[in-house]
Structure formats: structure tokens, C-alpha cells
Amino acid sequence: MAKASSPAPAAPPSFEAALTELEGMVTSMEGGQLTLEASLAAYKRGAELLKYCRSVLDDAQQQIRILEGDTLRDFPGADDAE
């Protein structure tokens, strides 16, 4: 018998909120205290959060390309040795 599917979790309110949730999930999973079912659910949610974060970062990179005229430049001092 198939389980009733639960509604998909809402998208996080921000990139930072997604990272915080993802970090908490990783900590829980690394602790080894989750059941197999909870681990699978956390993994699925983590994949969704990762996809969301990548999308936000891709959008930000595209905006930077537009602002920079499609010429990405290194930040001053980025290659300086310490």
C-alpha cells in the first residue's frame, strides 16, 4: 500500500535560511541518530536545498556578468600570497 504523499516543503525565505537549514541537517545526519526513513527524508530535503542555493548563486553570477559587461575580473589582491 502506497503512503500518501506529503506536500512539498516550501522554498526557504532566503539563501541564508537555506544554508542554515542545510547545515543543521548535515549535523543531524552526521550524528548518526536519525532513522533510515528520517535520513532519506533529510537527504531529499538537502538535495532540494542544494538545488535552490545553486539557483540563487547562478542568478547572482548572471547579474554580476550583466553588470560587468560579461567580463569577469579578479578582485584586487585575490591572487596575492600571504
PDB file of N, CA and C in Angstrom:
ATOM      1  N   MET A   1       0.835  -1.169   0.000  1.00  0.00           N
ATOM      2  CA  MET A   1       0.000   0.000   0.000  1.00  0.00           C
ATOM      3  C   MET A   1       0.885   1.239   0.000  1.00  0.00           C
ATOM      4  N   ALA A   2       0.631   2.176  -0.888  1.00  0.00           N
ATOM      5  CA  ALA A   2       1.455   3.378  -1.005  1.00  0.00           C
ATOM      6  C   ALA A   2       1.062   4.382   0.071  1.00  0.00           C
ATOM      7  N   LYS A   3       2.082   5.076   0.543  1.00  0.00           N
ATOM      8  CA  LYS A   3       1.835   6.120   1.540  1.00  0.00           C
ATOM      9  C   LYS A   3       1.295   7.358   0.841  1.00  0.00           C
ATOM     10  N   ALA A   4       0.475   8.107   1.527  1.00  0.00           N
ATOM     11  CA  ALA A   4       0.001   9.371   0.982  1.00  0.00           C
ATOM     12  C   ALA A   4       1.177  10.329   0.920  1.00  0.00           C
ATOM     13  N   SER A   5       1.325  10.991  -0.205  1.00  0.00           N
ATOM     14  CA  SER A   5       2.453  11.897  -0.330  1.00  0.00           C
ATOM     15  C   SER A   5       2.179  13.171   0.450  1.00  0.00           C
ATOM     16  N   SER A   6       3.198  13.614   1.145  1.00  0.00           N
ATOM     17  CA  SER A   6       3.056  14.851   1.908  1.00  0.00           C
ATOM     18  C   SER A   6       3.372  16.019   0.989  1.00  0.00           C
ATOM     19  N   PRO A   7       2.816  17.183   1.279  1.00  0.00           N
ATOM     20  CA  PRO A   7       3.082  18.334   0.428  1.00  0.00           C
ATOM     21  C   PRO A   7       4.566  18.682   0.464  1.00  0.00           C
ATOM     22  N   ALA A   8       5.048  19.165  -0.653  1.00  0.00           N
ATOM     23  CA  ALA A   8       6.462  19.538  -0.745  1.00  0.00           C
ATOM     24  C   ALA A   8       6.741  20.708   0.187  1.00  0.00           C
ATOM     25  N   PRO A   9       7.898  20.671   0.870  1.00  0.00           N
ATOM     26  CA  PRO A   9       8.245  21.789   1.747  1.00  0.00           C
ATOM     27  C   PRO A   9       8.392  23.078   0.935  1.00  0.00           C
ATOM     28  N   ALA A  10       8.041  24.153   1.555  1.00  0.00           N
ATOM     29  CA  ALA A  10       8.126  25.446   0.888  1.00  0.00           C
ATOM     30  C   ALA A  10       9.584  25.819   0.660  1.00  0.00           C
ATOM     31  N   ALA A  11       9.801  26.632  -0.345  1.00  0.00           N
ATOM     32  CA  ALA A  11      11.144  27.141  -0.605  1.00  0.00           C
ATOM     33  C   ALA A  11      11.573  27.999   0.577  1.00  0.00           C
ATOM     34  N   PRO A  12      12.848  27.974   0.916  1.00  0.00           N
ATOM     35  CA  PRO A  12      13.314  28.796   2.035  1.00  0.00           C
ATOM     36  C   PRO A  12      13.125  30.285   1.730  1.00  0.00           C
ATOM     37  N   PRO A  13      12.977  31.087   2.772  1.00  0.00           N
ATOM     38  CA  PRO A  13      12.751  32.518   2.554  1.00  0.00           C
ATOM     39  C   PRO A  13      13.972  33.253   1.999  1.00  0.00           C
ATOM     40  N   SER A  14      15.156  32.665   2.181  1.00  0.00           N
ATOM     41  CA  SER A  14      16.369  33.324   1.691  1.00  0.00           C
ATOM     42  C   SER A  14      17.484  32.298   1.510  1.00  0.00           C
ATOM     43  N   PHE A  15      18.526  32.711   0.833  1.00  0.00           N
ATOM     44  CA  PHE A  15      19.709  31.878   0.640  1.00  0.00           C
ATOM     45  C   PHE A  15      20.316  31.507   1.991  1.00  0.00           C
ATOM     46  N   GLU A  16      20.406  32.490   2.870  1.00  0.00           N
ATOM     47  CA  GLU A  16      20.993  32.266   4.188  1.00  0.00           C
ATOM     48  C   GLU A  16      20.172  31.269   5.005  1.00  0.00           C
ATOM     49  N   ALA A  17      18.844  31.366   4.910  1.00  0.00           N
ATOM     50  CA  ALA A  17      17.975  30.429   5.623  1.00  0.00           C
ATOM     51  C   ALA A  17      18.165  29.011   5.076  1.00  0.00           C
ATOM     52  N   ALA A  18      18.328  28.890   3.772  1.00  0.00           N
ATOM     53  CA  ALA A  18      18.558  27.577   3.164  1.00  0.00           C
ATOM     54  C   ALA A  18      19.876  26.981   3.651  1.00  0.00           C
ATOM     55  N   LEU A  19      20.927  27.808   3.700  1.00  0.00           N
ATOM     56  CA  LEU A  19      22.222  27.319   4.183  1.00  0.00           C
ATOM     57  C   LEU A  19      22.146  26.886   5.642  1.00  0.00           C
ATOM     58  N   THR A  20      21.455  27.659   6.453  1.00  0.00           N
ATOM     59  CA  THR A  20      21.310  27.321   7.869  1.00  0.00           C
ATOM     60  C   THR A  20      20.573  25.997   8.030  1.00  0.00           C
ATOM     61  N   GLU A  21      19.489  25.823   7.279  1.00  0.00           N
ATOM     62  CA  GLU A  21      18.729  24.568   7.350  1.00  0.00           C
ATOM     63  C   GLU A  21      19.589  23.397   6.868  1.00  0.00           C
ATOM     64  N   LEU A  22      20.320  23.605   5.795  1.00  0.00           N
ATOM     65  CA  LEU A  22      21.173  22.556   5.238  1.00  0.00           C
ATOM     66  C   LEU A  22      22.277  22.164   6.213  1.00  0.00           C
ATOM     67  N   GLU A  23      22.897  23.150   6.840  1.00  0.00           N
ATOM     68  CA  GLU A  23      23.945  22.869   7.830  1.00  0.00           C
ATOM     69  C   GLU A  23      23.392  22.071   9.009  1.00  0.00           C
ATOM     70  N   GLY A  24      22.198  22.423   9.469  1.00  0.00           N
ATOM     71  CA  GLY A  24      21.570  21.695  10.567  1.00  0.00           C
ATOM     72  C   GLY A  24      21.263  20.250  10.190  1.00  0.00           C
ATOM     73  N   MET A  25      20.826  20.053   8.968  1.00  0.00           N
ATOM     74  CA  MET A  25      20.533  18.699   8.502  1.00  0.00           C
ATOM     75  C   MET A  25      21.801  17.858   8.409  1.00  0.00           C
ATOM     76  N   VAL A  26      22.864  18.454   7.918  1.00  0.00           N
ATOM     77  CA  VAL A  26      24.136  17.729   7.812  1.00  0.00           C
ATOM     78  C   VAL A  26      24.618  17.317   9.201  1.00  0.00           C
ATOM     79  N   THR A  27      24.506  18.226  10.156  1.00  0.00           N
ATOM     80  CA  THR A  27      24.909  17.921  11.530  1.00  0.00           C
ATOM     81  C   THR A  27      24.097  16.757  12.088  1.00  0.00           C
ATOM     82  N   SER A  28      22.783  16.782  11.853  1.00  0.00           N
ATOM     83  CA  SER A  28      21.919  15.698  12.329  1.00  0.00           C
ATOM     84  C   SER A  28      22.278  14.372  11.680  1.00  0.00           C
ATOM     85  N   MET A  29      22.526  14.409  10.390  1.00  0.00           N
ATOM     86  CA  MET A  29      22.853  13.180   9.670  1.00  0.00           C
ATOM     87  C   MET A  29      24.216  12.636  10.109  1.00  0.00           C
ATOM     88  N   GLU A  30      25.167  13.531  10.304  1.00  0.00           N
ATOM     89  CA  GLU A  30      26.496  13.091  10.741  1.00  0.00           C
ATOM     90  C   GLU A  30      26.467  12.529  12.155  1.00  0.00           C
ATOM     91  N   GLY A  31      25.507  12.966  12.958  1.00  0.00           N
ATOM     92  CA  GLY A  31      25.377  12.467  14.320  1.00  0.00           C
ATOM     93  C   GLY A  31      24.953  11.012  14.378  1.00  0.00           C
ATOM     94  N   GLY A  32      24.391  10.510  13.295  1.00  0.00           N
ATOM     95  CA  GLY A  32      24.011   9.113  13.217  1.00  0.00           C
ATOM     96  C   GLY A  32      22.814   8.726  14.063  1.00  0.00           C
ATOM     97  N   GLN A  33      22.029   9.686  14.498  1.00  0.00           N
ATOM     98  CA  GLN A  33      20.889   9.383  15.362  1.00  0.00           C
ATOM     99  C   GLN A  33      19.567   9.314  14.610  1.00  0.00           C
ATOM    100  N   LEU A  34      19.579   9.568  13.297  1.00  0.00           N
ATOM    101  CA  LEU A  34      18.343   9.547  12.527  1.00  0.00           C
ATOM    102  C   LEU A  34      18.015   8.122  12.086  1.00  0.00           C
ATOM    103  N   THR A  35      16.746   7.834  12.002  1.00  0.00           N
ATOM    104  CA  THR A  35      16.323   6.553  11.450  1.00  0.00           C
ATOM    105  C   THR A  35      16.592   6.563   9.949  1.00  0.00           C
ATOM    106  N   LEU A  36      16.501   5.406   9.348  1.00  0.00           N
ATOM    107  CA  LEU A  36      16.714   5.323   7.902  1.00  0.00           C
ATOM    108  C   LEU A  36      15.711   6.200   7.163  1.00  0.00           C
ATOM    109  N   GLU A  37      14.462   6.135   7.556  1.00  0.00           N
ATOM    110  CA  GLU A  37      13.430   6.946   6.898  1.00  0.00           C
ATOM    111  C   GLU A  37      13.707   8.437   7.069  1.00  0.00           C
ATOM    112  N   ALA A  38      14.088   8.839   8.278  1.00  0.00           N
ATOM    113  CA  ALA A  38      14.397  10.250   8.526  1.00  0.00           C
ATOM    114  C   ALA A  38      15.638  10.677   7.743  1.00  0.00           C
ATOM    115  N   SER A  39      16.607   9.782   7.638  1.00  0.00           N
ATOM    116  CA  SER A  39      17.823  10.087   6.869  1.00  0.00           C
ATOM    117  C   SER A  39      17.502  10.290   5.398  1.00  0.00           C
ATOM    118  N   LEU A  40      16.640   9.438   4.855  1.00  0.00           N
ATOM    119  CA  LEU A  40      16.250   9.581   3.451  1.00  0.00           C
ATOM    120  C   LEU A  40      15.475  10.875   3.221  1.00  0.00           C
ATOM    121  N   ALA A  41      14.595  11.209   4.147  1.00  0.00           N
ATOM    122  CA  ALA A  41      13.846  12.462   4.035  1.00  0.00           C
ATOM    123  C   ALA A  41      14.783  13.660   4.129  1.00  0.00           C
ATOM    124  N   ALA A  42      15.757  13.591   5.035  1.00  0.00           N
ATOM    125  CA  ALA A  42      16.721  14.683   5.181  1.00  0.00           C
ATOM    126  C   ALA A  42      17.578  14.804   3.927  1.00  0.00           C
ATOM    127  N   TYR A  43      17.968  13.667   3.359  1.00  0.00           N
ATOM    128  CA  TYR A  43      18.767  13.689   2.136  1.00  0.00           C
ATOM    129  C   TYR A  43      17.979  14.335   0.998  1.00  0.00           C
ATOM    130  N   LYS A  44      16.706  13.963   0.882  1.00  0.00           N
ATOM    131  CA  LYS A  44      15.859  14.535  -0.170  1.00  0.00           C
ATOM    132  C   LYS A  44      15.710  16.045   0.019  1.00  0.00           C
ATOM    133  N   ARG A  45      15.439  16.468   1.247  1.00  0.00           N
ATOM    134  CA  ARG A  45      15.304  17.901   1.520  1.00  0.00           C
ATOM    135  C   ARG A  45      16.629  18.615   1.266  1.00  0.00           C
ATOM    136  N   GLY A  46      17.732  17.976   1.640  1.00  0.00           N
ATOM    137  CA  GLY A  46      19.047  18.558   1.406  1.00  0.00           C
ATOM    138  C   GLY A  46      19.315  18.762  -0.077  1.00  0.00           C
ATOM    139  N   ALA A  47      18.908  17.798  -0.894  1.00  0.00           N
ATOM    140  CA  ALA A  47      19.075  17.930  -2.341  1.00  0.00           C
ATOM    141  C   ALA A  47      18.250  19.092  -2.877  1.00  0.00           C
ATOM    142  N   GLU A  48      17.034  19.264  -2.331  1.00  0.00           N
ATOM    143  CA  GLU A  48      16.187  20.388  -2.740  1.00  0.00           C
ATOM    144  C   GLU A  48      16.821  21.721  -2.345  1.00  0.00           C
ATOM    145  N   LEU A  49      17.361  21.771  -1.132  1.00  0.00           N
ATOM    146  CA  LEU A  49      18.017  22.999  -0.666  1.00  0.00           C
ATOM    147  C   LEU A  49      19.260  23.308  -1.494  1.00  0.00           C
ATOM    148  N   LEU A  50      20.018  22.282  -1.831  1.00  0.00           N
ATOM    149  CA  LEU A  50      21.210  22.474  -2.656  1.00  0.00           C
ATOM    150  C   LEU A  50      20.832  23.020  -4.023  1.00  0.00           C
ATOM    151  N   LYS A  51      19.781  22.475  -4.605  1.00  0.00           N
ATOM    152  CA  LYS A  51      19.307  22.960  -5.904  1.00  0.00           C
ATOM    153  C   LYS A  51      18.892  24.430  -5.802  1.00  0.00           C
ATOM    154  N   TYR A  52      18.179  24.774  -4.728  1.00  0.00           N
ATOM    155  CA  TYR A  52      17.759  26.153  -4.509  1.00  0.00           C
ATOM    156  C   TYR A  52      18.978  27.079  -4.387  1.00  0.00           C
ATOM    157  N   CYS A  53      19.958  26.672  -3.569  1.00  0.00           N
ATOM    158  CA  CYS A  53      21.152  27.501  -3.360  1.00  0.00           C
ATOM    159  C   CYS A  53      21.930  27.689  -4.655  1.00  0.00           C
ATOM    160  N   ARG A  54      22.081  26.623  -5.413  1.00  0.00           N
ATOM    161  CA  ARG A  54      22.784  26.737  -6.701  1.00  0.00           C
ATOM    162  C   ARG A  54      22.059  27.691  -7.634  1.00  0.00           C
ATOM    163  N   SER A  55      20.731  27.625  -7.630  1.00  0.00           N
ATOM    164  CA  SER A  55      19.946  28.510  -8.479  1.00  0.00           C
ATOM    165  C   SER A  55      20.154  29.975  -8.078  1.00  0.00           C
ATOM    166  N   VAL A  56      20.132  30.240  -6.786  1.00  0.00           N
ATOM    167  CA  VAL A  56      20.344  31.605  -6.300  1.00  0.00           C
ATOM    168  C   VAL A  56      21.748  32.090  -6.672  1.00  0.00           C
ATOM    169  N   LEU A  57      22.752  31.231  -6.501  1.00  0.00           N
ATOM    170  CA  LEU A  57      24.121  31.606  -6.850  1.00  0.00           C
ATOM    171  C   LEU A  57      24.275  31.823  -8.354  1.00  0.00           C
ATOM    172  N   ASP A  58      23.639  30.972  -9.158  1.00  0.00           N
ATOM    173  CA  ASP A  58      23.684  31.152 -10.616  1.00  0.00           C
ATOM    174  C   ASP A  58      23.055  32.475 -11.016  1.00  0.00           C
ATOM    175  N   ASP A  59      21.923  32.812 -10.391  1.00  0.00           N
ATOM    176  CA  ASP A  59      21.258  34.090 -10.676  1.00  0.00           C
ATOM    177  C   ASP A  59      22.156  35.266 -10.301  1.00  0.00           C
ATOM    178  N   ALA A  60      22.816  35.163  -9.156  1.00  0.00           N
ATOM    179  CA  ALA A  60      23.713  36.241  -8.724  1.00  0.00           C
ATOM    180  C   ALA A  60      24.889  36.377  -9.688  1.00  0.00           C
ATOM    181  N   GLN A  61      25.433  35.248 -10.117  1.00  0.00           N
ATOM    182  CA  GLN A  61      26.550  35.284 -11.062  1.00  0.00           C
ATOM    183  C   GLN A  61      26.113  35.911 -12.388  1.00  0.00           C
ATOM    184  N   GLN A  62      24.911  35.593 -12.835  1.00  0.00           N
ATOM    185  CA  GLN A  62      24.404  36.178 -14.073  1.00  0.00           C
ATOM    186  C   GLN A  62      24.244  37.690 -13.927  1.00  0.00           C
ATOM    187  N   GLN A  63      23.748  38.129 -12.789  1.00  0.00           N
ATOM    188  CA  GLN A  63      23.604  39.569 -12.557  1.00  0.00           C
ATOM    189  C   GLN A  63      24.957  40.253 -12.564  1.00  0.00           C
ATOM    190  N   ILE A  64      25.965  39.612 -11.988  1.00  0.00           N
ATOM    191  CA  ILE A  64      27.311  40.183 -11.980  1.00  0.00           C
ATOM    192  C   ILE A  64      27.855  40.260 -13.400  1.00  0.00           C
ATOM    193  N   ARG A  65      27.620  39.218 -14.192  1.00  0.00           N
ATOM    194  CA  ARG A  65      28.075  39.243 -15.594  1.00  0.00           C
ATOM    195  C   ARG A  65      27.452  40.414 -16.341  1.00  0.00           C
ATOM    196  N   ILE A  66      26.172  40.634 -16.119  1.00  0.00           N
ATOM    197  CA  ILE A  66      25.495  41.740 -16.784  1.00  0.00           C
ATOM    198  C   ILE A  66      26.089  43.069 -16.331  1.00  0.00           C
ATOM    199  N   LEU A  67      26.291  43.221 -15.032  1.00  0.00           N
ATOM    200  CA  LEU A  67      26.841  44.469 -14.505  1.00  0.00           C
ATOM    201  C   LEU A  67      28.277  44.707 -14.962  1.00  0.00           C
ATOM    202  N   GLU A  68      29.034  43.629 -15.119  1.00  0.00           N
ATOM    203  CA  GLU A  68      30.433  43.733 -15.536  1.00  0.00           C
ATOM    204  C   GLU A  68      30.582  43.696 -17.056  1.00  0.00           C
ATOM    205  N   GLY A  69      29.502  43.673 -17.776  1.00  0.00           N
ATOM    206  CA  GLY A  69      29.585  43.633 -19.224  1.00  0.00           C
ATOM    207  C   GLY A  69      30.112  42.294 -19.728  1.00  0.00           C
ATOM    208  N   ASP A  70      29.769  41.218 -19.033  1.00  0.00           N
ATOM    209  CA  ASP A  70      30.170  39.852 -19.388  1.00  0.00           C
ATOM    210  C   ASP A  70      31.676  39.646 -19.317  1.00  0.00           C
ATOM    211  N   THR A  71      32.358  40.491 -18.554  1.00  0.00           N
ATOM    212  CA  THR A  71      33.794  40.336 -18.357  1.00  0.00           C
ATOM    213  C   THR A  71      34.046  40.154 -16.865  1.00  0.00           C
ATOM    214  N   LEU A  72      34.232  38.915 -16.459  1.00  0.00           N
ATOM    215  CA  LEU A  72      34.518  38.643 -15.061  1.00  0.00           C
ATOM    216  C   LEU A  72      35.968  39.018 -14.773  1.00  0.00           C
ATOM    217  N   ARG A  73      36.167  39.706 -13.672  1.00  0.00           N
ATOM    218  CA  ARG A  73      37.509  40.144 -13.288  1.00  0.00           C
ATOM    219  C   ARG A  73      37.830  39.631 -11.900  1.00  0.00           C
ATOM    220  N   ASP A  74      39.115  39.401 -11.661  1.00  0.00           N
ATOM    221  CA  ASP A  74      39.552  39.013 -10.325  1.00  0.00           C
ATOM    222  C   ASP A  74      39.458  40.221  -9.406  1.00  0.00           C
ATOM    223  N   PHE A  75      39.171  39.938  -8.145  1.00  0.00           N
ATOM    224  CA  PHE A  75      39.183  41.003  -7.156  1.00  0.00           C
ATOM    225  C   PHE A  75      40.627  41.424  -6.921  1.00  0.00           C
ATOM    226  N   PRO A  76      40.872  42.700  -6.693  1.00  0.00           N
ATOM    227  CA  PRO A  76      42.245  43.125  -6.398  1.00  0.00           C
ATOM    228  C   PRO A  76      42.768  42.399  -5.167  1.00  0.00           C
ATOM    229  N   GLY A  77      43.958  41.863  -5.275  1.00  0.00           N
ATOM    230  CA  GLY A  77      44.565  41.170  -4.147  1.00  0.00           C
ATOM    231  C   GLY A  77      44.127  39.742  -3.996  1.00  0.00           C
ATOM    232  N   ALA A  78      43.274  39.227  -4.882  1.00  0.00           N
ATOM    233  CA  ALA A  78      42.777  37.864  -4.754  1.00  0.00           C
ATOM    234  C   ALA A  78      43.879  36.830  -4.937  1.00  0.00           C
ATOM    235  N   ASP A  79      44.886  37.159  -5.752  1.00  0.00           N
ATOM    236  CA  ASP A  79      45.971  36.212  -6.021  1.00  0.00           C
ATOM    237  C   ASP A  79      47.223  36.519  -5.220  1.00  0.00           C
ATOM    238  N   ASP A  80      47.162  37.536  -4.358  1.00  0.00           N
ATOM    239  CA  ASP A  80      48.329  37.907  -3.554  1.00  0.00           C
ATOM    240  C   ASP A  80      48.637  36.815  -2.546  1.00  0.00           C
ATOM    241  N   ALA A  81      49.911  36.470  -2.422  1.00  0.00           N
ATOM    242  CA  ALA A  81      50.328  35.483  -1.414  1.00  0.00           C
ATOM    243  C   ALA A  81      50.386  36.172  -0.056  1.00  0.00           C
ATOM    244  N   GLU A  82      50.061  35.405   0.967  1.00  0.00           N
ATOM    245  CA  GLU A  82      50.088  35.977   2.325  1.00  0.00           C
ATOM    246  C   GLU A  82      51.467  35.945   2.872  1.00  0.00           C
TER     247      GLU A  82
END
